[in-house]
Amino acid sequence: MRGLVRLTLTEFLLELREPFSAFFSLVFPPLLVVIFGSIYGNAPRPESGGFGVIDLAVPGYIAMVISTVAVFNLPIALAAYRERGVLRQLALTPISPAALLASQLAARAS
């Protein structure tokens, strides 16, 4: 378990080194909320139980962005690891392939 946490932290820090990944993980989600908030506003609507459009849409936007970023970046990272020989080196460590996959998903989703 300790190796999984350490690997996840390392993967997260490596992801922040790439500008494309960092932009779509950290800047794009709030930007999306601001853009849609300026388009639709957040006035309470009686048909939605008194909630505004942004109140109802933000959880969906957050889930969509997290899953999209994680799913699209995962194959790219694993292919780069294979190309550089990192997967062979990790095969010699006690970390299982499932732990590697879990740490990749956790780092990409955060």
PDB file of N, CA and C in Angstrom:
ATOM      1  N   MET A   1       0.827  -1.197   0.000  1.00  0.00           N
ATOM      2  CA  MET A   1       0.000   0.000   0.000  1.00  0.00           C
ATOM      3  C   MET A   1       0.872   1.262   0.000  1.00  0.00           C
ATOM      4  N   ARG A   2       1.983   1.199   0.721  1.00  0.00           N
ATOM      5  CA  ARG A   2       2.881   2.348   0.787  1.00  0.00           C
ATOM      6  C   ARG A   2       3.491   2.646  -0.581  1.00  0.00           C
ATOM      7  N   GLY A   3       3.812   1.592  -1.330  1.00  0.00           N
ATOM      8  CA  GLY A   3       4.363   1.769  -2.661  1.00  0.00           C
ATOM      9  C   GLY A   3       3.363   2.394  -3.618  1.00  0.00           C
ATOM     10  N   LEU A   4       2.091   2.041  -3.461  1.00  0.00           N
ATOM     11  CA  LEU A   4       1.046   2.602  -4.314  1.00  0.00           C
ATOM     12  C   LEU A   4       0.898   4.098  -4.077  1.00  0.00           C
ATOM     13  N   VAL A   5       0.919   4.522  -2.828  1.00  0.00           N
ATOM     14  CA  VAL A   5       0.804   5.948  -2.506  1.00  0.00           C
ATOM     15  C   VAL A   5       2.015   6.714  -3.046  1.00  0.00           C
ATOM     16  N   ARG A   6       3.182   6.160  -2.863  1.00  0.00           N
ATOM     17  CA  ARG A   6       4.411   6.809  -3.346  1.00  0.00           C
ATOM     18  C   ARG A   6       4.425   6.911  -4.878  1.00  0.00           C
ATOM     19  N   LEU A   7       4.018   5.830  -5.545  1.00  0.00           N
ATOM     20  CA  LEU A   7       3.967   5.822  -7.005  1.00  0.00           C
ATOM     21  C   LEU A   7       2.924   6.809  -7.521  1.00  0.00           C
ATOM     22  N   THR A   8       1.776   6.891  -6.852  1.00  0.00           N
ATOM     23  CA  THR A   8       0.735   7.836  -7.254  1.00  0.00           C
ATOM     24  C   THR A   8       1.218   9.274  -7.119  1.00  0.00           C
ATOM     25  N   LEU A   9       1.888   9.585  -6.035  1.00  0.00           N
ATOM     26  CA  LEU A   9       2.422  10.935  -5.841  1.00  0.00           C
ATOM     27  C   LEU A   9       3.465  11.270  -6.905  1.00  0.00           C
ATOM     28  N   THR A  10       4.329  10.317  -7.205  1.00  0.00           N
ATOM     29  CA  THR A  10       5.349  10.532  -8.236  1.00  0.00           C
ATOM     30  C   THR A  10       4.701  10.735  -9.603  1.00  0.00           C
ATOM     31  N   GLU A  11       3.706   9.934  -9.925  1.00  0.00           N
ATOM     32  CA  GLU A  11       3.007  10.079 -11.211  1.00  0.00           C
ATOM     33  C   GLU A  11       2.301  11.426 -11.309  1.00  0.00           C
ATOM     34  N   PHE A  12       1.707  11.875 -10.216  1.00  0.00           N
ATOM     35  CA  PHE A  12       1.035  13.169 -10.218  1.00  0.00           C
ATOM     36  C   PHE A  12       2.027  14.301 -10.467  1.00  0.00           C
ATOM     37  N   LEU A  13       3.180  14.245  -9.810  1.00  0.00           N
ATOM     38  CA  LEU A  13       4.193  15.279 -10.021  1.00  0.00           C
ATOM     39  C   LEU A  13       4.750  15.237 -11.440  1.00  0.00           C
ATOM     40  N   LEU A  14       4.887  14.037 -12.001  1.00  0.00           N
ATOM     41  CA  LEU A  14       5.350  13.932 -13.391  1.00  0.00           C
ATOM     42  C   LEU A  14       4.310  14.484 -14.360  1.00  0.00           C
ATOM     43  N   GLU A  15       3.035  14.305 -14.036  1.00  0.00           N
ATOM     44  CA  GLU A  15       1.983  14.824 -14.914  1.00  0.00           C
ATOM     45  C   GLU A  15       1.981  16.341 -14.941  1.00  0.00           C
ATOM     46  N   LEU A  16       2.283  16.966 -13.807  1.00  0.00           N
ATOM     47  CA  LEU A  16       2.301  18.425 -13.752  1.00  0.00           C
ATOM     48  C   LEU A  16       3.447  19.029 -14.546  1.00  0.00           C
ATOM     49  N   ARG A  17       4.423  18.237 -14.921  1.00  0.00           N
ATOM     50  CA  ARG A  17       5.531  18.734 -15.745  1.00  0.00           C
ATOM     51  C   ARG A  17       5.114  18.978 -17.189  1.00  0.00           C
ATOM     52  N   GLU A  18       4.083  18.284 -17.632  1.00  0.00           N
ATOM     53  CA  GLU A  18       3.625  18.443 -19.010  1.00  0.00           C
ATOM     54  C   GLU A  18       2.592  19.560 -19.075  1.00  0.00           C
ATOM     55  N   PRO A  19       2.837  20.591 -19.860  1.00  0.00           N
ATOM     56  CA  PRO A  19       1.920  21.734 -19.900  1.00  0.00           C
ATOM     57  C   PRO A  19       0.515  21.370 -20.388  1.00  0.00           C
ATOM     58  N   PHE A  20       0.422  20.489 -21.373  1.00  0.00           N
ATOM     59  CA  PHE A  20      -0.883  20.093 -21.909  1.00  0.00           C
ATOM     60  C   PHE A  20      -1.714  19.419 -20.823  1.00  0.00           C
ATOM     61  N   SER A  21      -1.121  18.493 -20.117  1.00  0.00           N
ATOM     62  CA  SER A  21      -1.813  17.782 -19.046  1.00  0.00           C
ATOM     63  C   SER A  21      -2.186  18.721 -17.910  1.00  0.00           C
ATOM     64  N   ALA A  22      -1.255  19.572 -17.527  1.00  0.00           N
ATOM     65  CA  ALA A  22      -1.516  20.503 -16.429  1.00  0.00           C
ATOM     66  C   ALA A  22      -2.645  21.465 -16.787  1.00  0.00           C
ATOM     67  N   PHE A  23      -2.688  21.932 -18.024  1.00  0.00           N
ATOM     68  CA  PHE A  23      -3.749  22.850 -18.435  1.00  0.00           C
ATOM     69  C   PHE A  23      -5.111  22.174 -18.349  1.00  0.00           C
ATOM     70  N   PHE A  24      -5.239  20.987 -18.933  1.00  0.00           N
ATOM     71  CA  PHE A  24      -6.539  20.329 -18.954  1.00  0.00           C
ATOM     72  C   PHE A  24      -6.929  19.732 -17.601  1.00  0.00           C
ATOM     73  N   SER A  25      -5.984  19.578 -16.690  1.00  0.00           N
ATOM     74  CA  SER A  25      -6.320  19.076 -15.356  1.00  0.00           C
ATOM     75  C   SER A  25      -6.641  20.204 -14.380  1.00  0.00           C
ATOM     76  N   LEU A  26      -5.936  21.324 -14.490  1.00  0.00           N
ATOM     77  CA  LEU A  26      -6.061  22.372 -13.483  1.00  0.00           C
ATOM     78  C   LEU A  26      -6.762  23.640 -13.963  1.00  0.00           C
ATOM     79  N   VAL A  27      -6.579  24.032 -15.204  1.00  0.00           N
ATOM     80  CA  VAL A  27      -7.114  25.305 -15.690  1.00  0.00           C
ATOM     81  C   VAL A  27      -8.443  25.135 -16.420  1.00  0.00           C
ATOM     82  N   PHE A  28      -8.573  24.096 -17.214  1.00  0.00           N
ATOM     83  CA  PHE A  28      -9.745  23.923 -18.057  1.00  0.00           C
ATOM     84  C   PHE A  28     -11.053  23.745 -17.284  1.00  0.00           C
ATOM     85  N   PRO A  29     -11.115  22.937 -16.215  1.00  0.00           N
ATOM     86  CA  PRO A  29     -12.400  22.781 -15.514  1.00  0.00           C
ATOM     87  C   PRO A  29     -12.970  24.088 -14.947  1.00  0.00           C
ATOM     88  N   PRO A  30     -12.177  24.908 -14.232  1.00  0.00           N
ATOM     89  CA  PRO A  30     -12.768  26.171 -13.776  1.00  0.00           C
ATOM     90  C   PRO A  30     -13.116  27.111 -14.931  1.00  0.00           C
ATOM     91  N   LEU A  31     -12.318  27.084 -15.983  1.00  0.00           N
ATOM     92  CA  LEU A  31     -12.610  27.908 -17.149  1.00  0.00           C
ATOM     93  C   LEU A  31     -13.932  27.504 -17.788  1.00  0.00           C
ATOM     94  N   LEU A  32     -14.190  26.214 -17.848  1.00  0.00           N
ATOM     95  CA  LEU A  32     -15.447  25.711 -18.394  1.00  0.00           C
ATOM     96  C   LEU A  32     -16.640  26.184 -17.570  1.00  0.00           C
ATOM     97  N   VAL A  33     -16.518  26.159 -16.259  1.00  0.00           N
ATOM     98  CA  VAL A  33     -17.595  26.614 -15.386  1.00  0.00           C
ATOM     99  C   VAL A  33     -17.832  28.110 -15.567  1.00  0.00           C
ATOM    100  N   VAL A  34     -16.758  28.894 -15.681  1.00  0.00           N
ATOM    101  CA  VAL A  34     -16.904  30.341 -15.870  1.00  0.00           C
ATOM    102  C   VAL A  34     -17.571  30.648 -17.207  1.00  0.00           C
ATOM    103  N   ILE A  35     -17.178  29.949 -18.255  1.00  0.00           N
ATOM    104  CA  ILE A  35     -17.767  30.185 -19.581  1.00  0.00           C
ATOM    105  C   ILE A  35     -19.251  29.845 -19.586  1.00  0.00           C
ATOM    106  N   PHE A  36     -19.604  28.674 -19.088  1.00  0.00           N
ATOM    107  CA  PHE A  36     -21.012  28.296 -19.069  1.00  0.00           C
ATOM    108  C   PHE A  36     -21.816  29.150 -18.094  1.00  0.00           C
ATOM    109  N   GLY A  37     -21.170  29.598 -17.011  1.00  0.00           N
ATOM    110  CA  GLY A  37     -21.853  30.493 -16.082  1.00  0.00           C
ATOM    111  C   GLY A  37     -22.160  31.833 -16.707  1.00  0.00           C
ATOM    112  N   SER A  38     -21.240  32.327 -17.549  1.00  0.00           N
ATOM    113  CA  SER A  38     -21.498  33.606 -18.205  1.00  0.00           C
ATOM    114  C   SER A  38     -22.528  33.474 -19.323  1.00  0.00           C
ATOM    115  N   ILE A  39     -22.642  32.299 -19.896  1.00  0.00           N
ATOM    116  CA  ILE A  39     -23.636  32.092 -20.953  1.00  0.00           C
ATOM    117  C   ILE A  39     -25.034  31.925 -20.368  1.00  0.00           C
ATOM    118  N   TYR A  40     -25.162  31.002 -19.406  1.00  0.00           N
ATOM    119  CA  TYR A  40     -26.489  30.648 -18.898  1.00  0.00           C
ATOM    120  C   TYR A  40     -26.885  31.389 -17.635  1.00  0.00           C
ATOM    121  N   GLY A  41     -25.948  31.910 -16.888  1.00  0.00           N
ATOM    122  CA  GLY A  41     -26.263  32.556 -15.621  1.00  0.00           C
ATOM    123  C   GLY A  41     -26.591  31.519 -14.556  1.00  0.00           C
ATOM    124  N   ASN A  42     -26.912  31.994 -13.373  1.00  0.00           N
ATOM    125  CA  ASN A  42     -27.222  31.071 -12.287  1.00  0.00           C
ATOM    126  C   ASN A  42     -28.476  31.508 -11.543  1.00  0.00           C
ATOM    127  N   ALA A  43     -29.390  32.093 -12.264  1.00  0.00           N
ATOM    128  CA  ALA A  43     -30.642  32.517 -11.641  1.00  0.00           C
ATOM    129  C   ALA A  43     -31.454  31.283 -11.254  1.00  0.00           C
ATOM    130  N   PRO A  44     -32.016  31.275 -10.040  1.00  0.00           N
ATOM    131  CA  PRO A  44     -32.837  30.118  -9.635  1.00  0.00           C
ATOM    132  C   PRO A  44     -34.055  29.967 -10.546  1.00  0.00           C
ATOM    133  N   ARG A  45     -34.342  28.735 -10.871  1.00  0.00           N
ATOM    134  CA  ARG A  45     -35.472  28.449 -11.751  1.00  0.00           C
ATOM    135  C   ARG A  45     -36.466  27.567 -11.009  1.00  0.00           C
ATOM    136  N   PRO A  46     -37.737  27.896 -11.104  1.00  0.00           N
ATOM    137  CA  PRO A  46     -38.735  27.102 -10.362  1.00  0.00           C
ATOM    138  C   PRO A  46     -38.845  25.662 -10.850  1.00  0.00           C
ATOM    139  N   GLU A  47     -38.630  25.414 -12.139  1.00  0.00           N
ATOM    140  CA  GLU A  47     -38.753  24.049 -12.667  1.00  0.00           C
ATOM    141  C   GLU A  47     -37.625  23.123 -12.217  1.00  0.00           C
ATOM    142  N   SER A  48     -36.553  23.699 -11.686  1.00  0.00           N
ATOM    143  CA  SER A  48     -35.439  22.865 -11.218  1.00  0.00           C
ATOM    144  C   SER A  48     -35.336  22.870  -9.697  1.00  0.00           C
ATOM    145  N   GLY A  49     -36.412  23.206  -9.034  1.00  0.00           N
ATOM    146  CA  GLY A  49     -36.430  23.175  -7.576  1.00  0.00           C
ATOM    147  C   GLY A  49     -35.711  24.342  -6.932  1.00  0.00           C
ATOM    148  N   GLY A  50     -35.588  25.448  -7.628  1.00  0.00           N
ATOM    149  CA  GLY A  50     -34.933  26.620  -7.070  1.00  0.00           C
ATOM    150  C   GLY A  50     -33.439  26.686  -7.301  1.00  0.00           C
ATOM    151  N   PHE A  51     -32.911  25.736  -8.036  1.00  0.00           N
ATOM    152  CA  PHE A  51     -31.477  25.741  -8.350  1.00  0.00           C
ATOM    153  C   PHE A  51     -31.234  26.409  -9.687  1.00  0.00           C
ATOM    154  N   GLY A  52     -30.045  26.984  -9.854  1.00  0.00           N
ATOM    155  CA  GLY A  52     -29.662  27.578 -11.119  1.00  0.00           C
ATOM    156  C   GLY A  52     -29.024  26.541 -12.032  1.00  0.00           C
ATOM    157  N   VAL A  53     -28.759  26.940 -13.269  1.00  0.00           N
ATOM    158  CA  VAL A  53     -28.153  26.042 -14.251  1.00  0.00           C
ATOM    159  C   VAL A  53     -26.773  25.580 -13.787  1.00  0.00           C
ATOM    160  N   ILE A  54     -25.969  26.484 -13.299  1.00  0.00           N
ATOM    161  CA  ILE A  54     -24.618  26.140 -12.861  1.00  0.00           C
ATOM    162  C   ILE A  54     -24.658  25.229 -11.639  1.00  0.00           C
ATOM    163  N   ASP A  55     -25.606  25.472 -10.723  1.00  0.00           N
ATOM    164  CA  ASP A  55     -25.733  24.601  -9.551  1.00  0.00           C
ATOM    165  C   ASP A  55     -25.969  23.152  -9.951  1.00  0.00           C
ATOM    166  N   LEU A  56     -26.725  22.945 -10.995  1.00  0.00           N
ATOM    167  CA  LEU A  56     -27.039  21.590 -11.437  1.00  0.00           C
ATOM    168  C   LEU A  56     -25.984  21.010 -12.366  1.00  0.00           C
ATOM    169  N   ALA A  57     -25.302  21.864 -13.109  1.00  0.00           N
ATOM    170  CA  ALA A  57     -24.381  21.369 -14.132  1.00  0.00           C
ATOM    171  C   ALA A  57     -22.949  21.156 -13.639  1.00  0.00           C
ATOM    172  N   VAL A  58     -22.524  21.838 -12.600  1.00  0.00           N
ATOM    173  CA  VAL A  58     -21.133  21.752 -12.151  1.00  0.00           C
ATOM    174  C   VAL A  58     -20.718  20.326 -11.774  1.00  0.00           C
ATOM    175  N   PRO A  59     -21.513  19.566 -11.026  1.00  0.00           N
ATOM    176  CA  PRO A  59     -21.089  18.182 -10.745  1.00  0.00           C
ATOM    177  C   PRO A  59     -20.898  17.346 -12.009  1.00  0.00           C
ATOM    178  N   GLY A  60     -21.757  17.540 -12.983  1.00  0.00           N
ATOM    179  CA  GLY A  60     -21.603  16.825 -14.250  1.00  0.00           C
ATOM    180  C   GLY A  60     -20.362  17.250 -15.009  1.00  0.00           C
ATOM    181  N   TYR A  61     -20.082  18.552 -15.016  1.00  0.00           N
ATOM    182  CA  TYR A  61     -18.874  19.052 -15.676  1.00  0.00           C
ATOM    183  C   TYR A  61     -17.625  18.499 -15.012  1.00  0.00           C
ATOM    184  N   ILE A  62     -17.619  18.494 -13.687  1.00  0.00           N
ATOM    185  CA  ILE A  62     -16.454  17.996 -12.955  1.00  0.00           C
ATOM    186  C   ILE A  62     -16.213  16.527 -13.270  1.00  0.00           C
ATOM    187  N   ALA A  63     -17.263  15.722 -13.222  1.00  0.00           N
ATOM    188  CA  ALA A  63     -17.121  14.290 -13.518  1.00  0.00           C
ATOM    189  C   ALA A  63     -16.676  14.066 -14.959  1.00  0.00           C
ATOM    190  N   MET A  64     -17.229  14.839 -15.897  1.00  0.00           N
ATOM    191  CA  MET A  64     -16.877  14.684 -17.299  1.00  0.00           C
ATOM    192  C   MET A  64     -15.408  15.034 -17.546  1.00  0.00           C
ATOM    193  N   VAL A  65     -14.944  16.113 -16.986  1.00  0.00           N
ATOM    194  CA  VAL A  65     -13.566  16.540 -17.206  1.00  0.00           C
ATOM    195  C   VAL A  65     -12.590  15.563 -16.559  1.00  0.00           C
ATOM    196  N   ILE A  66     -12.878  15.129 -15.344  1.00  0.00           N
ATOM    197  CA  ILE A  66     -11.983  14.194 -14.661  1.00  0.00           C
ATOM    198  C   ILE A  66     -11.882  12.883 -15.427  1.00  0.00           C
ATOM    199  N   SER A  67     -13.018  12.341 -15.834  1.00  0.00           N
ATOM    200  CA  SER A  67     -12.974  11.055 -16.539  1.00  0.00           C
ATOM    201  C   SER A  67     -12.354  11.194 -17.924  1.00  0.00           C
ATOM    202  N   THR A  68     -12.633  12.268 -18.624  1.00  0.00           N
ATOM    203  CA  THR A  68     -12.066  12.461 -19.955  1.00  0.00           C
ATOM    204  C   THR A  68     -10.549  12.617 -19.895  1.00  0.00           C
ATOM    205  N   VAL A  69     -10.079  13.433 -18.979  1.00  0.00           N
ATOM    206  CA  VAL A  69      -8.632  13.641 -18.847  1.00  0.00           C
ATOM    207  C   VAL A  69      -7.941  12.337 -18.455  1.00  0.00           C
ATOM    208  N   ALA A  70      -8.531  11.621 -17.510  1.00  0.00           N
ATOM    209  CA  ALA A  70      -7.916  10.366 -17.055  1.00  0.00           C
ATOM    210  C   ALA A  70      -7.884   9.323 -18.164  1.00  0.00           C
ATOM    211  N   VAL A  71      -8.981   9.164 -18.861  1.00  0.00           N
ATOM    212  CA  VAL A  71      -9.057   8.118 -19.891  1.00  0.00           C
ATOM    213  C   VAL A  71      -8.194   8.459 -21.104  1.00  0.00           C
ATOM    214  N   PHE A  72      -8.130   9.725 -21.482  1.00  0.00           N
ATOM    215  CA  PHE A  72      -7.336  10.089 -22.657  1.00  0.00           C
ATOM    216  C   PHE A  72      -5.840  10.120 -22.368  1.00  0.00           C
ATOM    217  N   ASN A  73      -5.448  10.496 -21.160  1.00  0.00           N
ATOM    218  CA  ASN A  73      -4.023  10.590 -20.847  1.00  0.00           C
ATOM    219  C   ASN A  73      -3.405   9.261 -20.441  1.00  0.00           C
ATOM    220  N   LEU A  74      -4.204   8.313 -19.996  1.00  0.00           N
ATOM    221  CA  LEU A  74      -3.666   7.036 -19.534  1.00  0.00           C
ATOM    222  C   LEU A  74      -2.938   6.265 -20.636  1.00  0.00           C
ATOM    223  N   PRO A  75      -3.513   6.050 -21.813  1.00  0.00           N
ATOM    224  CA  PRO A  75      -2.773   5.323 -22.851  1.00  0.00           C
ATOM    225  C   PRO A  75      -1.516   6.050 -23.316  1.00  0.00           C
ATOM    226  N   ILE A  76      -1.560   7.362 -23.333  1.00  0.00           N
ATOM    227  CA  ILE A  76      -0.387   8.134 -23.747  1.00  0.00           C
ATOM    228  C   ILE A  76       0.754   7.910 -22.765  1.00  0.00           C
ATOM    229  N   ALA A  77       0.457   7.962 -21.489  1.00  0.00           N
ATOM    230  CA  ALA A  77       1.494   7.776 -20.466  1.00  0.00           C
ATOM    231  C   ALA A  77       2.045   6.354 -20.491  1.00  0.00           C
ATOM    232  N   LEU A  78       1.171   5.367 -20.624  1.00  0.00           N
ATOM    233  CA  LEU A  78       1.644   3.985 -20.636  1.00  0.00           C
ATOM    234  C   LEU A  78       2.451   3.673 -21.897  1.00  0.00           C
ATOM    235  N   ALA A  79       2.065   4.242 -23.031  1.00  0.00           N
ATOM    236  CA  ALA A  79       2.841   4.046 -24.255  1.00  0.00           C
ATOM    237  C   ALA A  79       4.215   4.696 -24.144  1.00  0.00           C
ATOM    238  N   ALA A  80       4.274   5.857 -23.532  1.00  0.00           N
ATOM    239  CA  ALA A  80       5.561   6.521 -23.335  1.00  0.00           C
ATOM    240  C   ALA A  80       6.435   5.712 -22.380  1.00  0.00           C
ATOM    241  N   TYR A  81       5.834   5.131 -21.357  1.00  0.00           N
ATOM    242  CA  TYR A  81       6.602   4.284 -20.431  1.00  0.00           C
ATOM    243  C   TYR A  81       7.148   3.057 -21.146  1.00  0.00           C
ATOM    244  N   ARG A  82       6.342   2.474 -21.995  1.00  0.00           N
ATOM    245  CA  ARG A  82       6.803   1.291 -22.723  1.00  0.00           C
ATOM    246  C   ARG A  82       7.941   1.652 -23.672  1.00  0.00           C
ATOM    247  N   GLU A  83       7.801   2.780 -24.341  1.00  0.00           N
ATOM    248  CA  GLU A  83       8.817   3.227 -25.293  1.00  0.00           C
ATOM    249  C   GLU A  83      10.152   3.511 -24.605  1.00  0.00           C
ATOM    250  N   ARG A  84      10.116   4.061 -23.417  1.00  0.00           N
ATOM    251  CA  ARG A  84      11.339   4.396 -22.683  1.00  0.00           C
ATOM    252  C   ARG A  84      11.885   3.244 -21.840  1.00  0.00           C
ATOM    253  N   GLY A  85      11.153   2.122 -21.787  1.00  0.00           N
ATOM    254  CA  GLY A  85      11.622   0.973 -21.026  1.00  0.00           C
ATOM    255  C   GLY A  85      11.305   1.027 -19.545  1.00  0.00           C
ATOM    256  N   VAL A  86      10.448   1.942 -19.158  1.00  0.00           N
ATOM    257  CA  VAL A  86      10.105   2.081 -17.744  1.00  0.00           C
ATOM    258  C   VAL A  86       9.295   0.875 -17.264  1.00  0.00           C
ATOM    259  N   LEU A  87       8.434   0.335 -18.126  1.00  0.00           N
ATOM    260  CA  LEU A  87       7.617  -0.811 -17.722  1.00  0.00           C
ATOM    261  C   LEU A  87       8.484  -2.031 -17.408  1.00  0.00           C
ATOM    262  N   ARG A  88       9.561  -2.216 -18.145  1.00  0.00           N
ATOM    263  CA  ARG A  88      10.481  -3.327 -17.837  1.00  0.00           C
ATOM    264  C   ARG A  88      11.153  -3.129 -16.490  1.00  0.00           C
ATOM    265  N   GLN A  89      11.535  -1.912 -16.219  1.00  0.00           N
ATOM    266  CA  GLN A  89      12.161  -1.630 -14.925  1.00  0.00           C
ATOM    267  C   GLN A  89      11.162  -1.799 -13.779  1.00  0.00           C
ATOM    268  N   LEU A  90       9.918  -1.391 -14.007  1.00  0.00           N
ATOM    269  CA  LEU A  90       8.901  -1.551 -12.972  1.00  0.00           C
ATOM    270  C   LEU A  90       8.530  -3.020 -12.766  1.00  0.00           C
ATOM    271  N   ALA A  91       8.723  -3.847 -13.791  1.00  0.00           N
ATOM    272  CA  ALA A  91       8.425  -5.274 -13.654  1.00  0.00           C
ATOM    273  C   ALA A  91       9.377  -5.933 -12.656  1.00  0.00           C
ATOM    274  N   LEU A  92      10.517  -5.344 -12.432  1.00  0.00           N
ATOM    275  CA  LEU A  92      11.492  -5.900 -11.492  1.00  0.00           C
ATOM    276  C   LEU A  92      11.229  -5.471 -10.047  1.00  0.00           C
ATOM    277  N   THR A  93      10.332  -4.533  -9.848  1.00  0.00           N
ATOM    278  CA  THR A  93      10.018  -4.061  -8.504  1.00  0.00           C
ATOM    279  C   THR A  93       8.855  -4.865  -7.931  1.00  0.00           C
ATOM    280  N   PRO A  94       8.616  -4.781  -6.635  1.00  0.00           N
ATOM    281  CA  PRO A  94       7.491  -5.523  -6.047  1.00  0.00           C
ATOM    282  C   PRO A  94       6.117  -4.908  -6.319  1.00  0.00           C
ATOM    283  N   ILE A  95       6.059  -3.818  -7.052  1.00  0.00           N
ATOM    284  CA  ILE A  95       4.766  -3.195  -7.358  1.00  0.00           C
ATOM    285  C   ILE A  95       4.083  -3.990  -8.462  1.00  0.00           C
ATOM    286  N   SER A  96       2.814  -4.323  -8.232  1.00  0.00           N
ATOM    287  CA  SER A  96       2.074  -5.125  -9.201  1.00  0.00           C
ATOM    288  C   SER A  96       1.593  -4.259 -10.368  1.00  0.00           C
ATOM    289  N   PRO A  97       1.282  -4.879 -11.514  1.00  0.00           N
ATOM    290  CA  PRO A  97       0.726  -4.117 -12.636  1.00  0.00           C
ATOM    291  C   PRO A  97      -0.602  -3.440 -12.289  1.00  0.00           C
ATOM    292  N   ALA A  98      -1.398  -4.061 -11.427  1.00  0.00           N
ATOM    293  CA  ALA A  98      -2.660  -3.442 -11.009  1.00  0.00           C
ATOM    294  C   ALA A  98      -2.396  -2.169 -10.209  1.00  0.00           C
ATOM    295  N   ALA A  99      -1.360  -2.187  -9.372  1.00  0.00           N
ATOM    296  CA  ALA A  99      -1.005  -0.990  -8.609  1.00  0.00           C
ATOM    297  C   ALA A  99      -0.510   0.118  -9.535  1.00  0.00           C
ATOM    298  N   LEU A 100       0.235  -0.256 -10.562  1.00  0.00           N
ATOM    299  CA  LEU A 100       0.695   0.733 -11.539  1.00  0.00           C
ATOM    300  C   LEU A 100      -0.487   1.366 -12.257  1.00  0.00           C
ATOM    301  N   LEU A 101      -1.430   0.551 -12.685  1.00  0.00           N
ATOM    302  CA  LEU A 101      -2.620   1.063 -13.369  1.00  0.00           C
ATOM    303  C   LEU A 101      -3.446   1.939 -12.438  1.00  0.00           C
ATOM    304  N   ALA A 102      -3.615   1.514 -11.198  1.00  0.00           N
ATOM    305  CA  ALA A 102      -4.385   2.309 -10.228  1.00  0.00           C
ATOM    306  C   ALA A 102      -3.702   3.649  -9.946  1.00  0.00           C
ATOM    307  N   SER A 103      -2.386   3.638  -9.832  1.00  0.00           N
ATOM    308  CA  SER A 103      -1.684   4.896  -9.576  1.00  0.00           C
ATOM    309  C   SER A 103      -1.748   5.828 -10.783  1.00  0.00           C
ATOM    310  N   GLN A 104      -1.684   5.263 -11.979  1.00  0.00           N
ATOM    311  CA  GLN A 104      -1.812   6.075 -13.190  1.00  0.00           C
ATOM    312  C   GLN A 104      -3.201   6.728 -13.257  1.00  0.00           C
ATOM    313  N   LEU A 105      -4.236   5.937 -12.999  1.00  0.00           N
ATOM    314  CA  LEU A 105      -5.601   6.489 -13.039  1.00  0.00           C
ATOM    315  C   LEU A 105      -5.792   7.540 -11.962  1.00  0.00           C
ATOM    316  N   ALA A 106      -5.293   7.288 -10.771  1.00  0.00           N
ATOM    317  CA  ALA A 106      -5.453   8.251  -9.679  1.00  0.00           C
ATOM    318  C   ALA A 106      -4.703   9.547  -9.977  1.00  0.00           C
ATOM    319  N   ALA A 107      -3.505   9.435 -10.517  1.00  0.00           N
ATOM    320  CA  ALA A 107      -2.718  10.634 -10.830  1.00  0.00           C
ATOM    321  C   ALA A 107      -3.347  11.411 -11.971  1.00  0.00           C
ATOM    322  N   ARG A 108      -3.885  10.739 -12.947  1.00  0.00           N
ATOM    323  CA  ARG A 108      -4.497  11.413 -14.095  1.00  0.00           C
ATOM    324  C   ARG A 108      -5.841  12.011 -13.739  1.00  0.00           C
ATOM    325  N   ALA A 109      -6.546  11.417 -12.795  1.00  0.00           N
ATOM    326  CA  ALA A 109      -7.873  11.903 -12.428  1.00  0.00           C
ATOM    327  C   ALA A 109      -7.824  13.057 -11.429  1.00  0.00           C
ATOM    328  N   SER A 110      -6.692  13.263 -10.791  1.00  0.00           N
ATOM    329  CA  SER A 110      -6.645  14.335  -9.793  1.00  0.00           C
ATOM    330  C   SER A 110      -6.253  15.655 -10.378  1.00  0.00           C
TER     331      SER A 110
END
